Amino acid sequence: QVQLVESGGGLVQPGGSLRLSCAASGIIFRLYIMGWYRQAPGKQRELVAAIDSSDITNYADSVKGRFTISRDNGKNTVYLQMNSLKPEDTAVYYCNARTSWTSTGNWGQGTQVTVSS
């Protein structure tokens, strides 16, 4: 049974930083494409960043230069370091694990990130 458990969300002021973590179980973690998605109220869920089994990364244009995705295969965990946060980064952030870009994969329960003064 696949389980993805996100943590690290919260309230932060504009310009601040947060680090999200997603601990995975029930999968051969090192073989999976791991991704972070977000969904703001009234908007569709969108890809924020992803990292594949070769550590190749992909970022949404809106977060390039501010967010960094990384993975620790020994801990079955993927991270999202978020710097220079903006109010428009406010959303529920979801972790995703998939075996290929064409598969739906599995989702975590989400963690709320709120950027506000």
Protein backbone atom coordinates (compact mmCIF):
# COMPACT_ATOMS: atom_id res chain seq x y z
CA GLN A 1 0.00 0.00 0.00
CA VAL A 2 1.45 3.31 -1.11
CA GLN A 3 1.57 6.05 1.48
CA LEU A 4 2.79 9.60 0.97
CA VAL A 5 2.87 11.83 4.02
CA GLU A 6 3.59 15.54 3.58
CA SER A 7 4.78 17.86 6.32
CA GLY A 8 6.30 21.30 6.72
CA GLY A 9 3.48 23.57 5.62
CA GLY A 10 2.36 26.60 7.57
CA LEU A 11 1.98 30.35 7.65
CA VAL A 12 4.91 32.48 6.51
CA GLN A 13 5.39 36.13 5.66
CA PRO A 14 6.17 37.23 2.11
CA GLY A 15 9.86 36.78 1.41
CA GLY A 16 10.12 33.94 3.90
CA SER A 17 11.05 30.31 3.45
CA LEU A 18 9.56 26.89 4.13
CA ARG A 19 10.73 23.36 3.49
CA LEU A 20 8.18 20.70 2.68
CA SER A 21 8.89 17.02 3.14
CA CYS A 22 7.13 13.97 1.75
CA ALA A 23 7.89 10.58 3.25
CA ALA A 24 6.98 7.66 1.03
CA SER A 25 6.33 4.02 1.85
CA GLY A 26 5.09 1.03 -0.08
CA ILE A 27 7.11 1.85 -3.21
CA ILE A 28 10.62 1.33 -4.52
CA PHE A 29 11.25 5.00 -3.99
CA ARG A 30 14.43 5.37 -6.03
CA LEU A 31 12.59 4.24 -9.19
CA TYR A 32 9.77 6.78 -8.95
CA ILE A 33 9.26 10.24 -10.36
CA MET A 34 8.46 12.39 -7.35
CA GLY A 35 6.59 15.62 -7.74
CA TRP A 36 5.11 18.52 -5.84
CA TYR A 37 1.83 19.99 -7.04
CA ARG A 38 -0.29 22.75 -5.63
CA GLN A 39 -3.90 23.81 -5.77
CA ALA A 40 -5.11 27.25 -4.82
CA PRO A 41 -8.80 27.94 -4.12
CA GLY A 42 -10.77 28.04 -7.35
CA LYS A 43 -7.82 26.93 -9.45
CA GLN A 44 -6.67 23.68 -11.00
CA ARG A 45 -3.95 21.61 -9.47
CA GLU A 46 -0.63 22.47 -11.10
CA LEU A 47 2.84 20.99 -11.19
CA VAL A 48 5.32 22.92 -9.08
CA ALA A 49 8.42 20.75 -9.38
CA ALA A 50 9.40 17.18 -10.12
CA ILE A 51 12.49 15.01 -9.89
CA ASP A 52 12.98 11.71 -11.65
CA SER A 53 15.04 8.64 -10.82
CA SER A 54 18.11 10.21 -12.47
CA ASP A 55 17.71 13.39 -10.38
CA ILE A 56 16.63 15.37 -13.41
CA THR A 57 14.42 18.20 -12.23
CA ASN A 58 11.60 20.17 -13.75
CA TYR A 59 10.06 23.40 -12.42
CA ALA A 60 7.08 25.57 -13.15
CA ASP A 61 8.20 28.92 -14.56
CA SER A 62 6.58 30.70 -11.64
CA VAL A 63 8.91 29.06 -9.09
CA LYS A 64 12.19 28.80 -11.01
CA GLY A 65 15.04 30.31 -9.05
CA ARG A 66 13.02 30.29 -5.81
CA PHE A 67 12.11 26.64 -5.20
CA THR A 68 14.38 23.60 -5.14
CA ILE A 69 13.25 19.98 -5.23
CA SER A 70 15.51 17.23 -3.94
CA ARG A 71 15.28 13.63 -2.87
CA ASP A 72 16.96 11.35 -0.36
CA ASN A 73 16.59 7.77 -1.56
CA GLY A 74 18.00 6.44 1.71
CA LYS A 75 15.15 8.09 3.61
CA ASN A 76 12.45 7.60 0.94
CA THR A 77 11.78 11.32 1.18
CA VAL A 78 11.41 14.17 -1.28
CA TYR A 79 11.81 17.79 -0.27
CA LEU A 80 10.70 21.13 -1.61
CA GLN A 81 12.73 24.10 -0.39
CA MET A 82 10.72 27.24 -0.97
CA ASN A 83 12.45 30.61 -0.71
CA SER A 84 11.31 34.16 -1.45
CA LEU A 85 7.72 33.11 -0.97
CA LYS A 86 4.98 35.26 -2.43
CA PRO A 87 1.27 35.52 -1.56
CA GLU A 88 0.48 33.82 -4.87
CA ASP A 89 2.31 30.71 -3.62
CA THR A 90 -0.53 30.19 -1.16
CA ALA A 91 -2.07 26.79 -1.85
CA VAL A 92 -2.41 23.24 -0.66
CA TYR A 93 0.74 21.42 -1.72
CA TYR A 94 0.50 17.77 -2.67
CA CYS A 95 3.17 15.13 -3.07
CA ASN A 96 2.91 12.73 -5.99
CA ALA A 97 4.72 9.50 -6.81
CA ARG A 98 4.51 7.96 -10.26
CA THR A 99 6.37 5.37 -12.28
CA SER A 100 6.15 7.33 -15.53
CA TRP A 101 4.98 10.72 -16.77
CA THR A 102 1.92 9.08 -18.36
CA SER A 103 0.72 7.41 -15.17
CA THR A 104 -1.50 9.12 -12.61
CA GLY A 105 0.48 7.94 -9.65
CA ASN A 106 -0.38 8.27 -5.99
CA TRP A 107 -1.13 11.38 -3.97
CA GLY A 108 -0.51 12.52 -0.45
CA GLN A 109 -3.14 14.23 1.66
CA GLY A 110 -1.69 17.71 1.10
CA THR A 111 -0.22 20.38 3.34
CA GLN A 112 -1.39 23.99 3.49
CA VAL A 113 1.06 26.78 2.71
CA THR A 114 -0.13 30.31 3.41
CA VAL A 115 1.98 33.33 2.54
CA SER A 116 0.61 36.43 4.18
CA SER A 117 1.68 39.39 6.26
